[in-house]
Amino acid sequence: IDIDLTQNQEFEIEGLVDIADWWIDVDFFTEIETGKYRFNPIS
């Protein structure tokens, strides 16, 4: 998906039943809880 994202924006990812097993790239995302993240880079 091509999308506008804002630094420190919180967002959810849905549709992945195994999302807890996914590797999260800390350069871009901070995991708040399973399926919910904060965006780290600039807007």
PDB file of all heavy atoms in Angstrom:
ATOM      1  N   ILE A   1       0.855  -1.175   0.000  1.00  0.00           N
ATOM      2  CA  ILE A   1       0.000   0.000   0.000  1.00  0.00           C
ATOM      3  C   ILE A   1       0.890   1.224   0.000  1.00  0.00           C
ATOM      4  O   ILE A   1       1.934   1.259   0.666  1.00  0.00           O
ATOM      5  CB  ILE A   1      -0.947   0.009   1.226  1.00  0.00           C
ATOM      6  CG1 ILE A   1      -1.943   1.161   1.138  1.00  0.00           C
ATOM      7  CG2 ILE A   1      -0.174   0.064   2.535  1.00  0.00           C
ATOM      8  CD1 ILE A   1      -3.035   1.107   2.183  1.00  0.00           C
ATOM      9  N   ASP A   2       0.545   2.240  -0.784  1.00  0.00           N
ATOM     10  CA  ASP A   2       1.208   3.538  -0.757  1.00  0.00           C
ATOM     11  C   ASP A   2       0.354   4.450   0.108  1.00  0.00           C
ATOM     12  O   ASP A   2      -0.829   4.651  -0.183  1.00  0.00           O
ATOM     13  CB  ASP A   2       1.350   4.107  -2.166  1.00  0.00           C
ATOM     14  CG  ASP A   2       2.270   3.274  -3.042  1.00  0.00           C
ATOM     15  OD1 ASP A   2       2.904   2.340  -2.516  1.00  0.00           O
ATOM     16  OD2 ASP A   2       2.358   3.553  -4.250  1.00  0.00           O
ATOM     17  N   ILE A   3       0.974   5.003   1.148  1.00  0.00           N
ATOM     18  CA  ILE A   3       0.171   5.695   2.153  1.00  0.00           C
ATOM     19  C   ILE A   3       0.972   6.816   2.808  1.00  0.00           C
ATOM     20  O   ILE A   3       2.194   6.725   2.948  1.00  0.00           O
ATOM     21  CB  ILE A   3      -0.313   4.680   3.229  1.00  0.00           C
ATOM     22  CG1 ILE A   3      -1.365   5.292   4.139  1.00  0.00           C
ATOM     23  CG2 ILE A   3       0.852   4.079   3.999  1.00  0.00           C
ATOM     24  CD1 ILE A   3      -2.061   4.270   5.035  1.00  0.00           C
ATOM     25  N   ASP A   4       0.279   7.894   3.169  1.00  0.00           N
ATOM     26  CA  ASP A   4       0.907   8.978   3.930  1.00  0.00           C
ATOM     27  C   ASP A   4       0.903   8.604   5.408  1.00  0.00           C
ATOM     28  O   ASP A   4      -0.144   8.250   5.962  1.00  0.00           O
ATOM     29  CB  ASP A   4       0.137  10.287   3.721  1.00  0.00           C
ATOM     30  CG  ASP A   4       0.279  10.828   2.306  1.00  0.00           C
ATOM     31  OD1 ASP A   4       1.430  10.933   1.835  1.00  0.00           O
ATOM     32  OD2 ASP A   4      -0.747  11.136   1.677  1.00  0.00           O
ATOM     33  N   LEU A   5       2.072   8.683   6.022  1.00  0.00           N
ATOM     34  CA  LEU A   5       2.212   8.357   7.437  1.00  0.00           C
ATOM     35  C   LEU A   5       2.874   9.518   8.166  1.00  0.00           C
ATOM     36  O   LEU A   5       3.738  10.210   7.611  1.00  0.00           O
ATOM     37  CB  LEU A   5       3.039   7.085   7.622  1.00  0.00           C
ATOM     38  CG  LEU A   5       2.397   5.786   7.101  1.00  0.00           C
ATOM     39  CD1 LEU A   5       3.397   4.644   7.108  1.00  0.00           C
ATOM     40  CD2 LEU A   5       1.168   5.433   7.937  1.00  0.00           C
ATOM     41  N   THR A   6       2.461   9.728   9.402  1.00  0.00           N
ATOM     42  CA  THR A   6       2.959  10.815  10.230  1.00  0.00           C
ATOM     43  C   THR A   6       3.848  10.260  11.332  1.00  0.00           C
ATOM     44  O   THR A   6       3.553   9.216  11.914  1.00  0.00           O
ATOM     45  CB  THR A   6       1.789  11.598  10.852  1.00  0.00           C
ATOM     46  OG1 THR A   6       0.925  12.058   9.811  1.00  0.00           O
ATOM     47  CG2 THR A   6       2.286  12.780  11.662  1.00  0.00           C
ATOM     48  N   GLN A   7       4.941  10.940  11.603  1.00  0.00           N
ATOM     49  CA  GLN A   7       5.844  10.492  12.659  1.00  0.00           C
ATOM     50  C   GLN A   7       5.090  10.383  13.986  1.00  0.00           C
ATOM     51  O   GLN A   7       4.315  11.261  14.353  1.00  0.00           O
ATOM     52  CB  GLN A   7       7.022  11.454  12.808  1.00  0.00           C
ATOM     53  CG  GLN A   7       8.145  10.927  13.706  1.00  0.00           C
ATOM     54  CD  GLN A   7       9.391  11.778  13.610  1.00  0.00           C
ATOM     55  OE1 GLN A   7       9.321  13.003  13.489  1.00  0.00           O
ATOM     56  NE2 GLN A   7      10.553  11.128  13.668  1.00  0.00           N
ATOM     57  N   ASN A   8       5.289   9.262  14.656  1.00  0.00           N
ATOM     58  CA  ASN A   8       4.646   8.922  15.934  1.00  0.00           C
ATOM     59  C   ASN A   8       3.164   8.578  15.787  1.00  0.00           C
ATOM     60  O   ASN A   8       2.465   8.422  16.795  1.00  0.00           O
ATOM     61  CB  ASN A   8       4.820  10.045  16.967  1.00  0.00           C
ATOM     62  CG  ASN A   8       6.283  10.255  17.330  1.00  0.00           C
ATOM     63  OD1 ASN A   8       7.035   9.291  17.466  1.00  0.00           O
ATOM     64  ND2 ASN A   8       6.680  11.512  17.487  1.00  0.00           N
ATOM     65  N   GLN A   9       2.690   8.458  14.549  1.00  0.00           N
ATOM     66  CA  GLN A   9       1.309   8.046  14.321  1.00  0.00           C
ATOM     67  C   GLN A   9       1.110   6.603  14.771  1.00  0.00           C
ATOM     68  O   GLN A   9       1.930   5.733  14.505  1.00  0.00           O
ATOM     69  CB  GLN A   9       0.973   8.166  12.826  1.00  0.00           C
ATOM     70  CG  GLN A   9      -0.389   7.597  12.437  1.00  0.00           C
ATOM     71  CD  GLN A   9      -0.617   7.636  10.932  1.00  0.00           C
ATOM     72  OE1 GLN A   9       0.141   8.257  10.190  1.00  0.00           O
ATOM     73  NE2 GLN A   9      -1.666   6.962  10.474  1.00  0.00           N
ATOM     74  N   GLU A  10      -0.011   6.349  15.443  1.00  0.00           N
ATOM     75  CA  GLU A  10      -0.357   4.987  15.825  1.00  0.00           C
ATOM     76  C   GLU A  10      -1.299   4.402  14.774  1.00  0.00           C
ATOM     77  O   GLU A  10      -2.166   5.101  14.252  1.00  0.00           O
ATOM     78  CB  GLU A  10      -1.015   4.961  17.203  1.00  0.00           C
ATOM     79  CG  GLU A  10      -0.077   5.378  18.329  1.00  0.00           C
ATOM     80  CD  GLU A  10      -0.706   5.255  19.706  1.00  0.00           C
ATOM     81  OE1 GLU A  10      -1.856   4.758  19.791  1.00  0.00           O
ATOM     82  OE2 GLU A  10      -0.063   5.650  20.699  1.00  0.00           O
ATOM     83  N   PHE A  11      -1.109   3.133  14.455  1.00  0.00           N
ATOM     84  CA  PHE A  11      -1.949   2.485  13.451  1.00  0.00           C
ATOM     85  C   PHE A  11      -2.082   1.007  13.764  1.00  0.00           C
ATOM     86  O   PHE A  11      -1.290   0.440  14.539  1.00  0.00           O
ATOM     87  CB  PHE A  11      -1.375   2.686  12.043  1.00  0.00           C
ATOM     88  CG  PHE A  11      -0.032   2.061  11.841  1.00  0.00           C
ATOM     89  CD1 PHE A  11       0.086   0.769  11.336  1.00  0.00           C
ATOM     90  CD2 PHE A  11       1.135   2.744  12.152  1.00  0.00           C
ATOM     91  CE1 PHE A  11       1.317   0.184  11.149  1.00  0.00           C
ATOM     92  CE2 PHE A  11       2.377   2.165  11.968  1.00  0.00           C
ATOM     93  CZ  PHE A  11       2.468   0.875  11.468  1.00  0.00           C
ATOM     94  N   GLU A  12      -3.083   0.383  13.147  1.00  0.00           N
ATOM     95  CA  GLU A  12      -3.333  -1.042  13.354  1.00  0.00           C
ATOM     96  C   GLU A  12      -3.200  -1.791  12.044  1.00  0.00           C
ATOM     97  O   GLU A  12      -3.461  -1.251  10.974  1.00  0.00           O
ATOM     98  CB  GLU A  12      -4.736  -1.257  13.930  1.00  0.00           C
ATOM     99  CG  GLU A  12      -4.922  -0.709  15.333  1.00  0.00           C
ATOM    100  CD  GLU A  12      -6.285  -1.028  15.914  1.00  0.00           C
ATOM    101  OE1 GLU A  12      -7.078  -1.705  15.213  1.00  0.00           O
ATOM    102  OE2 GLU A  12      -6.560  -0.609  17.046  1.00  0.00           O
ATOM    103  N   ILE A  13      -2.787  -3.034  12.146  1.00  0.00           N
ATOM    104  CA  ILE A  13      -2.742  -3.942  11.003  1.00  0.00           C
ATOM    105  C   ILE A  13      -3.682  -5.095  11.296  1.00  0.00           C
ATOM    106  O   ILE A  13      -3.577  -5.757  12.332  1.00  0.00           O
ATOM    107  CB  ILE A  13      -1.321  -4.442  10.737  1.00  0.00           C
ATOM    108  CG1 ILE A  13      -0.430  -3.267  10.301  1.00  0.00           C
ATOM    109  CG2 ILE A  13      -1.325  -5.544   9.681  1.00  0.00           C
ATOM    110  CD1 ILE A  13       1.009  -3.624  10.090  1.00  0.00           C
ATOM    111  N   GLU A  14      -4.632  -5.311  10.365  1.00  0.00           N
ATOM    112  CA  GLU A  14      -5.639  -6.357  10.551  1.00  0.00           C
ATOM    113  C   GLU A  14      -5.562  -7.365   9.401  1.00  0.00           C
ATOM    114  O   GLU A  14      -5.123  -7.043   8.302  1.00  0.00           O
ATOM    115  CB  GLU A  14      -7.034  -5.739  10.593  1.00  0.00           C
ATOM    116  CG  GLU A  14      -7.226  -4.706  11.691  1.00  0.00           C
ATOM    117  CD  GLU A  14      -8.540  -3.983  11.577  1.00  0.00           C
ATOM    118  OE1 GLU A  14      -8.607  -2.995  10.801  1.00  0.00           O
ATOM    119  OE2 GLU A  14      -9.512  -4.421  12.223  1.00  0.00           O
ATOM    120  N   GLY A  15      -6.020  -8.579   9.681  1.00  0.00           N
ATOM    121  CA  GLY A  15      -6.114  -9.600   8.650  1.00  0.00           C
ATOM    122  C   GLY A  15      -5.067 -10.684   8.747  1.00  0.00           C
ATOM    123  O   GLY A  15      -5.138 -11.678   8.023  1.00  0.00           O
ATOM    124  N   LEU A  16      -4.077 -10.499   9.597  1.00  0.00           N
ATOM    125  CA  LEU A  16      -3.014 -11.492   9.758  1.00  0.00           C
ATOM    126  C   LEU A  16      -3.219 -12.228  11.085  1.00  0.00           C
ATOM    127  O   LEU A  16      -2.960 -11.675  12.156  1.00  0.00           O
ATOM    128  CB  LEU A  16      -1.637 -10.821   9.737  1.00  0.00           C
ATOM    129  CG  LEU A  16      -1.225 -10.183   8.407  1.00  0.00           C
ATOM    130  CD1 LEU A  16       0.007  -9.308   8.578  1.00  0.00           C
ATOM    131  CD2 LEU A  16      -0.976 -11.261   7.354  1.00  0.00           C
ATOM    132  N   VAL A  17      -3.687 -13.457  10.995  1.00  0.00           N
ATOM    133  CA  VAL A  17      -3.970 -14.201  12.231  1.00  0.00           C
ATOM    134  C   VAL A  17      -2.688 -14.546  12.974  1.00  0.00           C
ATOM    135  O   VAL A  17      -2.710 -14.783  14.181  1.00  0.00           O
ATOM    136  CB  VAL A  17      -4.765 -15.488  11.917  1.00  0.00           C
ATOM    137  CG1 VAL A  17      -6.127 -15.141  11.351  1.00  0.00           C
ATOM    138  CG2 VAL A  17      -4.003 -16.384  10.940  1.00  0.00           C
ATOM    139  N   ASP A  18      -1.553 -14.558  12.252  1.00  0.00           N
ATOM    140  CA  ASP A  18      -0.280 -14.892  12.892  1.00  0.00           C
ATOM    141  C   ASP A  18       0.600 -13.659  13.107  1.00  0.00           C
ATOM    142  O   ASP A  18       1.828 -13.764  13.172  1.00  0.00           O
ATOM    143  CB  ASP A  18       0.477 -15.927  12.061  1.00  0.00           C
ATOM    144  CG  ASP A  18       0.808 -15.414  10.656  1.00  0.00           C
ATOM    145  OD1 ASP A  18       0.273 -14.361  10.260  1.00  0.00           O
ATOM    146  OD2 ASP A  18       1.619 -16.074   9.970  1.00  0.00           O
ATOM    147  N   ILE A  19      -0.024 -12.474  13.208  1.00  0.00           N
ATOM    148  CA  ILE A  19       0.731 -11.233  13.334  1.00  0.00           C
ATOM    149  C   ILE A  19       1.693 -11.262  14.517  1.00  0.00           C
ATOM    150  O   ILE A  19       2.761 -10.641  14.478  1.00  0.00           O
ATOM    151  CB  ILE A  19      -0.234 -10.023  13.456  1.00  0.00           C
ATOM    152  CG1 ILE A  19       0.529  -8.690  13.443  1.00  0.00           C
ATOM    153  CG2 ILE A  19      -1.099 -10.138  14.680  1.00  0.00           C
ATOM    154  CD1 ILE A  19       1.214  -8.381  12.147  1.00  0.00           C
ATOM    155  N   ALA A  20       1.384 -12.019  15.553  1.00  0.00           N
ATOM    156  CA  ALA A  20       2.271 -12.105  16.723  1.00  0.00           C
ATOM    157  C   ALA A  20       3.604 -12.750  16.368  1.00  0.00           C
ATOM    158  O   ALA A  20       4.606 -12.552  17.074  1.00  0.00           O
ATOM    159  CB  ALA A  20       1.591 -12.885  17.841  1.00  0.00           C
ATOM    160  N   ASP A  21       3.641 -13.507  15.267  1.00  0.00           N
ATOM    161  CA  ASP A  21       4.871 -14.182  14.857  1.00  0.00           C
ATOM    162  C   ASP A  21       5.678 -13.363  13.863  1.00  0.00           C
ATOM    163  O   ASP A  21       6.757 -13.804  13.439  1.00  0.00           O
ATOM    164  CB  ASP A  21       4.531 -15.540  14.218  1.00  0.00           C
ATOM    165  CG  ASP A  21       3.789 -16.463  15.174  1.00  0.00           C
ATOM    166  OD1 ASP A  21       4.040 -16.385  16.393  1.00  0.00           O
ATOM    167  OD2 ASP A  21       2.944 -17.257  14.688  1.00  0.00           O
ATOM    168  N   TRP A  22       5.182 -12.195  13.468  1.00  0.00           N
ATOM    169  CA  TRP A  22       5.874 -11.410  12.451  1.00  0.00           C
ATOM    170  C   TRP A  22       7.058 -10.651  13.037  1.00  0.00           C
ATOM    171  O   TRP A  22       7.039 -10.220  14.197  1.00  0.00           O
ATOM    172  CB  TRP A  22       4.904 -10.427  11.790  1.00  0.00           C
ATOM    173  CG  TRP A  22       4.085 -11.096  10.719  1.00  0.00           C
ATOM    174  CD1 TRP A  22       3.361 -12.246  10.836  1.00  0.00           C
ATOM    175  CD2 TRP A  22       3.927 -10.661   9.374  1.00  0.00           C
ATOM    176  NE1 TRP A  22       2.764 -12.568   9.656  1.00  0.00           N
ATOM    177  CE2 TRP A  22       3.085 -11.606   8.725  1.00  0.00           C
ATOM    178  CE3 TRP A  22       4.393  -9.585   8.647  1.00  0.00           C
ATOM    179  CZ2 TRP A  22       2.720 -11.490   7.399  1.00  0.00           C
ATOM    180  CZ3 TRP A  22       4.021  -9.455   7.312  1.00  0.00           C
ATOM    181  CH2 TRP A  22       3.199 -10.407   6.701  1.00  0.00           C
ATOM    182  N   TRP A  23       8.092 -10.499  12.220  1.00  0.00           N
ATOM    183  CA  TRP A  23       9.273  -9.722  12.589  1.00  0.00           C
ATOM    184  C   TRP A  23       8.983  -8.247  12.331  1.00  0.00           C
ATOM    185  O   TRP A  23       8.535  -7.865  11.251  1.00  0.00           O
ATOM    186  CB  TRP A  23      10.467 -10.170  11.750  1.00  0.00           C
ATOM    187  CG  TRP A  23      11.764  -9.499  12.073  1.00  0.00           C
ATOM    188  CD1 TRP A  23      12.629  -9.835  13.059  1.00  0.00           C
ATOM    189  CD2 TRP A  23      12.347  -8.377  11.379  1.00  0.00           C
ATOM    190  NE1 TRP A  23      13.730  -9.003  13.031  1.00  0.00           N
ATOM    191  CE2 TRP A  23      13.579  -8.094  12.008  1.00  0.00           C
ATOM    192  CE3 TRP A  23      11.956  -7.598  10.294  1.00  0.00           C
ATOM    193  CZ2 TRP A  23      14.427  -7.074  11.595  1.00  0.00           C
ATOM    194  CZ3 TRP A  23      12.791  -6.566   9.875  1.00  0.00           C
ATOM    195  CH2 TRP A  23      14.001  -6.309  10.519  1.00  0.00           C
ATOM    196  N   ILE A  24       9.210  -7.414  13.327  1.00  0.00           N
ATOM    197  CA  ILE A  24       8.894  -5.990  13.241  1.00  0.00           C
ATOM    198  C   ILE A  24      10.186  -5.195  13.109  1.00  0.00           C
ATOM    199  O   ILE A  24      11.093  -5.315  13.942  1.00  0.00           O
ATOM    200  CB  ILE A  24       8.093  -5.519  14.468  1.00  0.00           C
ATOM    201  CG1 ILE A  24       6.813  -6.353  14.613  1.00  0.00           C
ATOM    202  CG2 ILE A  24       7.768  -4.042  14.357  1.00  0.00           C
ATOM    203  CD1 ILE A  24       5.880  -6.302  13.419  1.00  0.00           C
ATOM    204  N   ASP A  25      10.289  -4.404  12.072  1.00  0.00           N
ATOM    205  CA  ASP A  25      11.470  -3.586  11.807  1.00  0.00           C
ATOM    206  C   ASP A  25      11.437  -2.352  12.707  1.00  0.00           C
ATOM    207  O   ASP A  25      10.636  -1.437  12.497  1.00  0.00           O
ATOM    208  CB  ASP A  25      11.493  -3.173  10.335  1.00  0.00           C
ATOM    209  CG  ASP A  25      12.814  -2.556   9.910  1.00  0.00           C
ATOM    210  OD1 ASP A  25      13.532  -2.037  10.783  1.00  0.00           O
ATOM    211  OD2 ASP A  25      13.128  -2.599   8.702  1.00  0.00           O
ATOM    212  N   VAL A  26      12.325  -2.318  13.696  1.00  0.00           N
ATOM    213  CA  VAL A  26      12.288  -1.244  14.699  1.00  0.00           C
ATOM    214  C   VAL A  26      12.694   0.101  14.118  1.00  0.00           C
ATOM    215  O   VAL A  26      12.460   1.145  14.749  1.00  0.00           O
ATOM    216  CB  VAL A  26      13.182  -1.591  15.906  1.00  0.00           C
ATOM    217  CG1 VAL A  26      12.652  -2.822  16.630  1.00  0.00           C
ATOM    218  CG2 VAL A  26      14.636  -1.798  15.474  1.00  0.00           C
ATOM    219  N   ASP A  27      13.337   0.115  12.957  1.00  0.00           N
ATOM    220  CA  ASP A  27      13.643   1.404  12.341  1.00  0.00           C
ATOM    221  C   ASP A  27      12.371   2.139  11.948  1.00  0.00           C
ATOM    222  O   ASP A  27      12.329   3.365  11.966  1.00  0.00           O
ATOM    223  CB  ASP A  27      14.510   1.196  11.094  1.00  0.00           C
ATOM    224  CG  ASP A  27      15.916   0.749  11.435  1.00  0.00           C
ATOM    225  OD1 ASP A  27      16.470   1.259  12.418  1.00  0.00           O
ATOM    226  OD2 ASP A  27      16.444  -0.130  10.729  1.00  0.00           O
ATOM    227  N   PHE A  28      11.342   1.377  11.609  1.00  0.00           N
ATOM    228  CA  PHE A  28      10.110   1.979  11.129  1.00  0.00           C
ATOM    229  C   PHE A  28       8.958   1.887  12.126  1.00  0.00           C
ATOM    230  O   PHE A  28       8.105   2.770  12.151  1.00  0.00           O
ATOM    231  CB  PHE A  28       9.702   1.325   9.804  1.00  0.00           C
ATOM    232  CG  PHE A  28      10.638   1.632   8.675  1.00  0.00           C
ATOM    233  CD1 PHE A  28      11.685   0.778   8.371  1.00  0.00           C
ATOM    234  CD2 PHE A  28      10.493   2.791   7.933  1.00  0.00           C
ATOM    235  CE1 PHE A  28      12.562   1.064   7.325  1.00  0.00           C
ATOM    236  CE2 PHE A  28      11.359   3.099   6.888  1.00  0.00           C
ATOM    237  CZ  PHE A  28      12.403   2.226   6.590  1.00  0.00           C
ATOM    238  N   PHE A  29       8.920   0.829  12.923  1.00  0.00           N
ATOM    239  CA  PHE A  29       7.766   0.610  13.798  1.00  0.00           C
ATOM    240  C   PHE A  29       8.190   0.335  15.233  1.00  0.00           C
ATOM    241  O   PHE A  29       9.187  -0.348  15.486  1.00  0.00           O
ATOM    242  CB  PHE A  29       6.935  -0.598  13.320  1.00  0.00           C
ATOM    243  CG  PHE A  29       6.554  -0.561  11.869  1.00  0.00           C
ATOM    244  CD1 PHE A  29       6.845  -1.626  11.036  1.00  0.00           C
ATOM    245  CD2 PHE A  29       5.904   0.540  11.341  1.00  0.00           C
ATOM    246  CE1 PHE A  29       6.493  -1.606   9.700  1.00  0.00           C
ATOM    247  CE2 PHE A  29       5.550   0.570   9.999  1.00  0.00           C
ATOM    248  CZ  PHE A  29       5.841  -0.498   9.176  1.00  0.00           C
ATOM    249  N   THR A  30       7.393   0.848  16.160  1.00  0.00           N
ATOM    250  CA  THR A  30       7.476   0.447  17.569  1.00  0.00           C
ATOM    251  C   THR A  30       6.184  -0.278  17.904  1.00  0.00           C
ATOM    252  O   THR A  30       5.091   0.263  17.682  1.00  0.00           O
ATOM    253  CB  THR A  30       7.641   1.669  18.492  1.00  0.00           C
ATOM    254  OG1 THR A  30       8.886   2.305  18.196  1.00  0.00           O
ATOM    255  CG2 THR A  30       7.619   1.237  19.956  1.00  0.00           C
ATOM    256  N   GLU A  31       6.294  -1.501  18.386  1.00  0.00           N
ATOM    257  CA  GLU A  31       5.102  -2.280  18.708  1.00  0.00           C
ATOM    258  C   GLU A  31       4.509  -1.810  20.032  1.00  0.00           C
ATOM    259  O   GLU A  31       5.189  -1.801  21.062  1.00  0.00           O
ATOM    260  CB  GLU A  31       5.436  -3.768  18.783  1.00  0.00           C
ATOM    261  CG  GLU A  31       4.208  -4.644  18.964  1.00  0.00           C
ATOM    262  CD  GLU A  31       4.537  -6.121  18.891  1.00  0.00           C
ATOM    263  OE1 GLU A  31       5.493  -6.546  19.573  1.00  0.00           O
ATOM    264  OE2 GLU A  31       3.841  -6.844  18.156  1.00  0.00           O
ATOM    265  N   ILE A  32       3.253  -1.407  19.989  1.00  0.00           N
ATOM    266  CA  ILE A  32       2.534  -1.007  21.201  1.00  0.00           C
ATOM    267  C   ILE A  32       1.902  -2.241  21.832  1.00  0.00           C
ATOM    268  O   ILE A  32       1.987  -2.461  23.032  1.00  0.00           O
ATOM    269  CB  ILE A  32       1.469   0.060  20.876  1.00  0.00           C
ATOM    270  CG1 ILE A  32       2.140   1.303  20.259  1.00  0.00           C
ATOM    271  CG2 ILE A  32       0.678   0.433  22.117  1.00  0.00           C
ATOM    272  CD1 ILE A  32       1.162   2.308  19.695  1.00  0.00           C
ATOM    273  N   GLU A  33       1.254  -3.006  20.990  1.00  0.00           N
ATOM    274  CA  GLU A  33       0.718  -4.317  21.355  1.00  0.00           C
ATOM    275  C   GLU A  33       0.566  -5.093  20.048  1.00  0.00           C
ATOM    276  O   GLU A  33       0.785  -4.540  18.964  1.00  0.00           O
ATOM    277  CB  GLU A  33      -0.634  -4.182  22.065  1.00  0.00           C
ATOM    278  CG  GLU A  33      -1.685  -3.460  21.234  1.00  0.00           C
ATOM    279  CD  GLU A  33      -2.963  -3.209  22.011  1.00  0.00           C
ATOM    280  OE1 GLU A  33      -2.908  -2.561  23.065  1.00  0.00           O
ATOM    281  OE2 GLU A  33      -4.023  -3.676  21.526  1.00  0.00           O
ATOM    282  N   THR A  34       0.229  -6.357  20.127  1.00  0.00           N
ATOM    283  CA  THR A  34       0.116  -7.160  18.917  1.00  0.00           C
ATOM    284  C   THR A  34      -0.887  -6.547  17.937  1.00  0.00           C
ATOM    285  O   THR A  34      -2.051  -6.337  18.283  1.00  0.00           O
ATOM    286  CB  THR A  34      -0.312  -8.595  19.260  1.00  0.00           C
ATOM    287  OG1 THR A  34       0.654  -9.174  20.140  1.00  0.00           O
ATOM    288  CG2 THR A  34      -0.406  -9.442  17.991  1.00  0.00           C
ATOM    289  N   GLY A  35      -0.400  -6.205  16.751  1.00  0.00           N
ATOM    290  CA  GLY A  35      -1.256  -5.624  15.726  1.00  0.00           C
ATOM    291  C   GLY A  35      -1.380  -4.117  15.778  1.00  0.00           C
ATOM    292  O   GLY A  35      -1.988  -3.518  14.893  1.00  0.00           O
ATOM    293  N   LYS A  36      -0.795  -3.488  16.797  1.00  0.00           N
ATOM    294  CA  LYS A  36      -0.867  -2.030  16.925  1.00  0.00           C
ATOM    295  C   LYS A  36       0.551  -1.475  17.057  1.00  0.00           C
ATOM    296  O   LYS A  36       1.340  -1.961  17.864  1.00  0.00           O
ATOM    297  CB  LYS A  36      -1.703  -1.642  18.146  1.00  0.00           C
ATOM    298  CG  LYS A  36      -1.978  -0.139  18.259  1.00  0.00           C
ATOM    299  CD  LYS A  36      -2.932   0.158  19.409  1.00  0.00           C
ATOM    300  CE  LYS A  36      -3.271   1.637  19.480  1.00  0.00           C
ATOM    301  NZ  LYS A  36      -4.219   1.944  20.577  1.00  0.00           N
ATOM    302  N   TYR A  37       0.843  -0.406  16.260  1.00  0.00           N
ATOM    303  CA  TYR A  37       2.224   0.064  16.157  1.00  0.00           C
ATOM    304  C   TYR A  37       2.281   1.587  16.120  1.00  0.00           C
ATOM    305  O   TYR A  37       1.288   2.264  15.879  1.00  0.00           O
ATOM    306  CB  TYR A  37       2.878  -0.514  14.884  1.00  0.00           C
ATOM    307  CG  TYR A  37       2.740  -2.007  14.804  1.00  0.00           C
ATOM    308  CD1 TYR A  37       1.647  -2.579  14.139  1.00  0.00           C
ATOM    309  CD2 TYR A  37       3.650  -2.841  15.429  1.00  0.00           C
ATOM    310  CE1 TYR A  37       1.487  -3.950  14.082  1.00  0.00           C
ATOM    311  CE2 TYR A  37       3.497  -4.222  15.378  1.00  0.00           C
ATOM    312  CZ  TYR A  37       2.417  -4.774  14.709  1.00  0.00           C
ATOM    313  OH  TYR A  37       2.254  -6.126  14.687  1.00  0.00           O
ATOM    314  N   ARG A  38       3.495   2.097  16.346  1.00  0.00           N
ATOM    315  CA  ARG A  38       3.761   3.528  16.216  1.00  0.00           C
ATOM    316  C   ARG A  38       4.790   3.696  15.104  1.00  0.00           C
ATOM    317  O   ARG A  38       5.778   2.955  15.026  1.00  0.00           O
ATOM    318  CB  ARG A  38       4.296   4.099  17.519  1.00  0.00           C
ATOM    319  CG  ARG A  38       4.622   5.611  17.463  1.00  0.00           C
ATOM    320  CD  ARG A  38       5.133   6.145  18.784  1.00  0.00           C
ATOM    321  NE  ARG A  38       4.111   6.039  19.825  1.00  0.00           N
ATOM    322  CZ  ARG A  38       4.154   5.193  20.838  1.00  0.00           C
ATOM    323  NH1 ARG A  38       5.175   4.347  20.951  1.00  0.00           N
ATOM    324  NH2 ARG A  38       3.193   5.168  21.743  1.00  0.00           N
ATOM    325  N   PHE A  39       4.569   4.702  14.234  1.00  0.00           N
ATOM    326  CA  PHE A  39       5.469   4.927  13.102  1.00  0.00           C
ATOM    327  C   PHE A  39       6.623   5.822  13.527  1.00  0.00           C
ATOM    328  O   PHE A  39       6.423   6.910  14.075  1.00  0.00           O
ATOM    329  CB  PHE A  39       4.708   5.559  11.940  1.00  0.00           C
ATOM    330  CG  PHE A  39       5.486   5.631  10.667  1.00  0.00           C
ATOM    331  CD1 PHE A  39       5.809   4.470   9.979  1.00  0.00           C
ATOM    332  CD2 PHE A  39       5.892   6.851  10.161  1.00  0.00           C
ATOM    333  CE1 PHE A  39       6.531   4.521   8.798  1.00  0.00           C
ATOM    334  CE2 PHE A  39       6.613   6.922   8.974  1.00  0.00           C
ATOM    335  CZ  PHE A  39       6.933   5.756   8.293  1.00  0.00           C
ATOM    336  N   ASN A  40       7.859   5.394  13.277  1.00  0.00           N
ATOM    337  CA  ASN A  40       9.039   6.082  13.807  1.00  0.00           C
ATOM    338  C   ASN A  40       9.671   7.133  12.894  1.00  0.00           C
ATOM    339  O   ASN A  40      10.132   8.161  13.396  1.00  0.00           O
ATOM    340  CB  ASN A  40      10.107   5.045  14.185  1.00  0.00           C
ATOM    341  CG  ASN A  40       9.649   4.139  15.312  1.00  0.00           C
ATOM    342  OD1 ASN A  40       8.888   4.561  16.183  1.00  0.00           O
ATOM    343  ND2 ASN A  40      10.089   2.892  15.299  1.00  0.00           N
ATOM    344  N   PRO A  41       9.769   6.929  11.565  1.00  0.00           N
ATOM    345  CA  PRO A  41      10.452   7.926  10.726  1.00  0.00           C
ATOM    346  C   PRO A  41       9.684   9.238  10.618  1.00  0.00           C
ATOM    347  O   PRO A  41       8.572   9.385  11.148  1.00  0.00           O
ATOM    348  CB  PRO A  41      10.539   7.227   9.363  1.00  0.00           C
ATOM    349  CG  PRO A  41      10.362   5.782   9.652  1.00  0.00           C
ATOM    350  CD  PRO A  41       9.425   5.723  10.811  1.00  0.00           C
ATOM    351  N   ILE A  42      10.280  10.180   9.888  1.00  0.00           N
ATOM    352  CA  ILE A  42       9.638  11.478   9.684  1.00  0.00           C
ATOM    353  C   ILE A  42       8.378  11.297   8.845  1.00  0.00           C
ATOM    354  O   ILE A  42       8.210  10.306   8.138  1.00  0.00           O
ATOM    355  CB  ILE A  42      10.602  12.478   9.013  1.00  0.00           C
ATOM    356  CG1 ILE A  42      11.029  11.969   7.622  1.00  0.00           C
ATOM    357  CG2 ILE A  42      11.810  12.736   9.881  1.00  0.00           C
ATOM    358  CD1 ILE A  42      11.870  12.967   6.839  1.00  0.00           C
ATOM    359  N   SER A  43       7.498  12.271   8.909  1.00  0.00           N
ATOM    360  CA  SER A  43       6.237  12.216   8.166  1.00  0.00           C
ATOM    361  C   SER A  43       6.495  12.274   6.666  1.00  0.00           C
ATOM    362  O   SER A  43       7.410  12.957   6.192  1.00  0.00           O
ATOM    363  CB  SER A  43       5.332  13.382   8.570  1.00  0.00           C
ATOM    364  OG  SER A  43       5.093  13.367   9.960  1.00  0.00           O
TER     365      SER A  43
END
